[in-house]
C-alpha cells in the first residue's frame, strides 16, 4: 500500500479519508461479529473441528488491520487538529 503523506492532502481529502476509516471500522466490526457467530454456530452444531477455528484466523487478521487503521486515524486526527489550530 502506498504511503500517504497527510500534510500533502487538502482539507476535503482529509475529510474523505476520515469517512472512509469510519466505514472500514463498521465493516470490520460486522465481519468480526459474523465470523465469531459462524465459529460459535459451528462449535455448537458440529463440535470442535478445523472449521470451528478457521474463521478465527480471519478475525485475527481483521483485528490486526483494525490496529493499523486506528494508528492512521490518530495521525489523521492530529493533522486535522494542527490545521484547525493554525
N, C-alpha and C. Protein backbone atom coordinates (compact mmCIF):
# COMPACT_ATOMS: atom_id res chain seq x y z
N UNK A 1 0.84 -1.18 0.00
CA UNK A 1 0.00 0.00 0.00
C UNK A 1 0.88 1.24 0.00
N UNK A 2 0.53 2.18 -0.82
CA UNK A 2 1.31 3.40 -0.95
C UNK A 2 1.19 4.25 0.31
N UNK A 3 2.32 4.71 0.81
CA UNK A 3 2.33 5.56 2.00
C UNK A 3 1.79 6.93 1.65
N UNK A 4 0.86 7.40 2.43
CA UNK A 4 0.19 8.67 2.18
C UNK A 4 0.74 9.71 3.15
N UNK A 5 1.18 10.84 2.61
CA UNK A 5 1.61 11.95 3.46
C UNK A 5 0.42 12.85 3.69
N UNK A 6 -0.02 12.88 4.92
CA UNK A 6 -1.23 13.64 5.24
C UNK A 6 -1.04 15.13 5.06
N UNK A 7 0.18 15.60 5.22
CA UNK A 7 0.43 17.04 5.08
C UNK A 7 0.26 17.50 3.63
N UNK A 8 0.32 16.57 2.68
CA UNK A 8 0.18 16.93 1.27
C UNK A 8 -1.28 16.94 0.82
N UNK A 9 -2.18 16.42 1.64
CA UNK A 9 -3.59 16.37 1.26
C UNK A 9 -4.29 17.66 1.66
N UNK A 10 -5.32 18.01 0.90
CA UNK A 10 -6.10 19.19 1.27
C UNK A 10 -7.17 18.79 2.29
N UNK A 11 -7.90 19.77 2.79
CA UNK A 11 -8.89 19.52 3.85
C UNK A 11 -9.98 18.56 3.39
N UNK A 12 -10.43 18.72 2.19
CA UNK A 12 -11.51 17.86 1.66
C UNK A 12 -11.05 16.41 1.58
N UNK A 13 -9.83 16.19 1.15
CA UNK A 13 -9.30 14.82 1.06
C UNK A 13 -9.13 14.21 2.46
N UNK A 14 -8.76 15.02 3.44
CA UNK A 14 -8.65 14.53 4.81
C UNK A 14 -10.01 14.09 5.35
N UNK A 15 -11.03 14.86 5.03
CA UNK A 15 -12.39 14.51 5.47
C UNK A 15 -12.84 13.21 4.80
N UNK A 16 -12.50 13.04 3.53
CA UNK A 16 -12.84 11.80 2.83
C UNK A 16 -12.12 10.61 3.45
N UNK A 17 -10.86 10.78 3.81
CA UNK A 17 -10.11 9.71 4.47
C UNK A 17 -10.75 9.34 5.81
N UNK A 18 -11.20 10.35 6.54
CA UNK A 18 -11.82 10.12 7.84
C UNK A 18 -13.14 9.34 7.67
N UNK A 19 -13.93 9.70 6.67
CA UNK A 19 -15.18 8.98 6.40
C UNK A 19 -14.91 7.54 5.98
N UNK A 20 -13.86 7.35 5.18
CA UNK A 20 -13.51 6.02 4.73
C UNK A 20 -13.06 5.15 5.90
N UNK A 21 -12.32 5.73 6.84
CA UNK A 21 -11.90 4.99 8.03
C UNK A 21 -13.11 4.58 8.87
N UNK A 22 -14.08 5.47 8.99
CA UNK A 22 -15.28 5.15 9.76
C UNK A 22 -16.04 3.99 9.11
N UNK A 23 -16.16 4.02 7.80
CA UNK A 23 -16.81 2.94 7.08
C UNK A 23 -16.06 1.63 7.25
N UNK A 24 -14.72 1.69 7.18
CA UNK A 24 -13.91 0.49 7.36
C UNK A 24 -14.08 -0.10 8.75
N UNK A 25 -14.21 0.76 9.76
CA UNK A 25 -14.42 0.27 11.13
C UNK A 25 -15.74 -0.49 11.23
N UNK A 26 -16.78 0.04 10.62
CA UNK A 26 -18.09 -0.61 10.66
C UNK A 26 -18.05 -1.95 9.93
N UNK A 27 -17.41 -1.98 8.78
CA UNK A 27 -17.31 -3.22 8.00
C UNK A 27 -16.49 -4.26 8.78
N UNK A 28 -15.37 -3.84 9.37
CA UNK A 28 -14.54 -4.77 10.14
C UNK A 28 -15.31 -5.33 11.33
N UNK A 29 -16.04 -4.48 12.04
CA UNK A 29 -16.81 -4.94 13.19
C UNK A 29 -17.89 -5.93 12.76
N UNK A 30 -18.54 -5.66 11.64
CA UNK A 30 -19.56 -6.57 11.13
C UNK A 30 -18.96 -7.91 10.75
N UNK A 31 -17.83 -7.88 10.05
CA UNK A 31 -17.18 -9.13 9.65
C UNK A 31 -16.70 -9.93 10.86
N UNK A 32 -16.15 -9.24 11.85
CA UNK A 32 -15.69 -9.93 13.05
C UNK A 32 -16.87 -10.59 13.75
N UNK A 33 -17.96 -9.88 13.89
CA UNK A 33 -19.15 -10.46 14.50
C UNK A 33 -19.69 -11.65 13.73
N UNK A 34 -19.72 -11.52 12.42
CA UNK A 34 -20.18 -12.61 11.57
C UNK A 34 -19.29 -13.84 11.71
N UNK A 35 -17.98 -13.63 11.66
CA UNK A 35 -17.05 -14.76 11.77
C UNK A 35 -17.10 -15.42 13.14
N UNK A 36 -17.25 -14.61 14.19
CA UNK A 36 -17.40 -15.19 15.52
C UNK A 36 -18.70 -15.98 15.64
N UNK A 37 -19.75 -15.47 15.03
CA UNK A 37 -21.03 -16.19 15.01
C UNK A 37 -20.94 -17.51 14.27
N UNK A 38 -20.27 -17.50 13.13
CA UNK A 38 -20.09 -18.73 12.35
C UNK A 38 -19.29 -19.75 13.16
N UNK A 39 -18.26 -19.28 13.82
CA UNK A 39 -17.43 -20.17 14.63
C UNK A 39 -18.23 -20.75 15.79
N UNK A 40 -19.01 -19.92 16.47
CA UNK A 40 -19.82 -20.39 17.59
C UNK A 40 -20.89 -21.38 17.11
N UNK A 41 -21.53 -21.07 16.01
CA UNK A 41 -22.54 -21.97 15.46
C UNK A 41 -21.92 -23.31 15.08
N UNK A 42 -20.76 -23.25 14.46
CA UNK A 42 -20.08 -24.48 14.08
C UNK A 42 -19.71 -25.32 15.30
N UNK A 43 -19.27 -24.65 16.36
CA UNK A 43 -18.90 -25.36 17.58
C UNK A 43 -20.12 -26.02 18.22
N UNK A 44 -21.25 -25.33 18.21
CA UNK A 44 -22.46 -25.89 18.81
C UNK A 44 -23.06 -27.00 17.96
N UNK A 45 -23.03 -26.82 16.66
CA UNK A 45 -23.68 -27.77 15.76
C UNK A 45 -22.84 -29.02 15.52
N UNK A 46 -21.53 -28.83 15.27
CA UNK A 46 -20.69 -29.95 14.85
C UNK A 46 -19.59 -30.28 15.85
N UNK A 47 -19.51 -29.58 16.95
CA UNK A 47 -18.41 -29.79 17.88
C UNK A 47 -17.18 -29.04 17.39
N UNK A 48 -16.10 -29.23 18.08
CA UNK A 48 -14.86 -28.53 17.72
C UNK A 48 -14.14 -29.27 16.62
N UNK A 49 -13.83 -28.55 15.54
CA UNK A 49 -13.10 -29.12 14.41
C UNK A 49 -12.30 -28.00 13.76
N UNK A 50 -11.69 -28.31 12.65
CA UNK A 50 -10.91 -27.33 11.90
C UNK A 50 -11.78 -26.15 11.50
N UNK A 51 -13.00 -26.42 11.06
CA UNK A 51 -13.88 -25.36 10.56
C UNK A 51 -14.46 -24.51 11.69
N UNK A 52 -14.29 -24.96 12.91
CA UNK A 52 -14.67 -24.12 14.05
C UNK A 52 -13.64 -23.02 14.24
N UNK A 53 -12.38 -23.35 14.08
CA UNK A 53 -11.30 -22.40 14.34
C UNK A 53 -10.86 -21.64 13.09
N UNK A 54 -11.22 -22.11 11.92
CA UNK A 54 -10.82 -21.45 10.67
C UNK A 54 -11.27 -19.99 10.60
N UNK A 55 -12.53 -19.66 10.92
CA UNK A 55 -12.93 -18.25 10.88
C UNK A 55 -12.18 -17.38 11.88
N UNK A 56 -11.69 -17.98 12.96
CA UNK A 56 -10.98 -17.20 13.98
C UNK A 56 -9.65 -16.68 13.46
N UNK A 57 -9.04 -17.38 12.49
CA UNK A 57 -7.81 -16.88 11.88
C UNK A 57 -8.08 -15.57 11.14
N UNK A 58 -9.22 -15.49 10.48
CA UNK A 58 -9.57 -14.26 9.77
C UNK A 58 -9.88 -13.13 10.76
N UNK A 59 -10.44 -13.48 11.91
CA UNK A 59 -10.70 -12.48 12.94
C UNK A 59 -9.39 -11.84 13.38
N UNK A 60 -8.34 -12.67 13.54
CA UNK A 60 -7.04 -12.13 13.92
C UNK A 60 -6.51 -11.15 12.89
N UNK A 61 -6.68 -11.46 11.61
CA UNK A 61 -6.23 -10.55 10.55
C UNK A 61 -7.02 -9.24 10.59
N UNK A 62 -8.32 -9.34 10.82
CA UNK A 62 -9.15 -8.14 10.89
C UNK A 62 -8.78 -7.28 12.10
N UNK A 63 -8.49 -7.92 13.22
CA UNK A 63 -8.08 -7.17 14.41
C UNK A 63 -6.76 -6.45 14.18
N UNK A 64 -5.83 -7.12 13.49
CA UNK A 64 -4.54 -6.52 13.19
C UNK A 64 -4.70 -5.32 12.26
N UNK A 65 -5.54 -5.45 11.25
CA UNK A 65 -5.76 -4.32 10.34
C UNK A 65 -6.49 -3.19 11.07
N UNK A 66 -7.33 -3.54 12.04
CA UNK A 66 -8.01 -2.52 12.84
C UNK A 66 -7.04 -1.71 13.67
N UNK A 67 -6.00 -2.35 14.19
CA UNK A 67 -4.98 -1.64 14.94
C UNK A 67 -4.23 -0.66 14.04
N UNK A 68 -3.90 -1.11 12.83
CA UNK A 68 -3.22 -0.22 11.89
C UNK A 68 -4.11 0.95 11.51
N UNK A 69 -5.39 0.68 11.33
CA UNK A 69 -6.33 1.75 10.99
C UNK A 69 -6.47 2.75 12.13
N UNK A 70 -6.45 2.26 13.37
CA UNK A 70 -6.59 3.20 14.49
C UNK A 70 -5.35 4.08 14.62
N UNK A 71 -4.16 3.54 14.32
CA UNK A 71 -2.95 4.36 14.31
C UNK A 71 -3.04 5.44 13.24
N UNK A 72 -3.51 5.05 12.05
CA UNK A 72 -3.67 6.01 10.97
C UNK A 72 -4.72 7.06 11.33
N UNK A 73 -5.76 6.62 12.03
CA UNK A 73 -6.81 7.55 12.44
C UNK A 73 -6.27 8.59 13.43
N UNK A 74 -5.39 8.17 14.32
CA UNK A 74 -4.77 9.12 15.27
C UNK A 74 -3.93 10.14 14.52
N UNK A 75 -3.15 9.68 13.54
CA UNK A 75 -2.34 10.60 12.73
C UNK A 75 -3.24 11.57 11.97
N UNK A 76 -4.31 11.06 11.43
CA UNK A 76 -5.25 11.89 10.68
C UNK A 76 -5.89 12.93 11.59
N UNK A 77 -6.28 12.54 12.78
CA UNK A 77 -6.88 13.47 13.74
C UNK A 77 -5.87 14.54 14.15
N UNK A 78 -4.63 14.13 14.39
CA UNK A 78 -3.59 15.10 14.73
C UNK A 78 -3.38 16.12 13.61
N UNK A 79 -3.35 15.65 12.38
CA UNK A 79 -3.16 16.54 11.24
C UNK A 79 -4.33 17.52 11.11
N UNK A 80 -5.54 17.02 11.30
CA UNK A 80 -6.71 17.90 11.21
C UNK A 80 -6.72 18.91 12.36
N UNK A 81 -6.33 18.48 13.55
CA UNK A 81 -6.26 19.40 14.69
C UNK A 81 -5.19 20.46 14.46
N UNK A 82 -4.05 20.07 13.90
CA UNK A 82 -2.99 21.03 13.60
C UNK A 82 -3.45 22.07 12.58
N UNK A 83 -4.18 21.65 11.61
CA UNK A 83 -4.67 22.60 10.60
C UNK A 83 -5.72 23.53 11.16
N UNK A 84 -6.55 23.02 12.05
CA UNK A 84 -7.59 23.87 12.66
C UNK A 84 -7.02 24.86 13.65
N UNK A 85 -5.91 24.51 14.29
CA UNK A 85 -5.31 25.42 15.28
C UNK A 85 -4.53 26.54 14.61
N UNK A 86 -4.12 26.35 13.36
CA UNK A 86 -3.34 27.38 12.66
C UNK A 86 -4.20 28.44 12.14
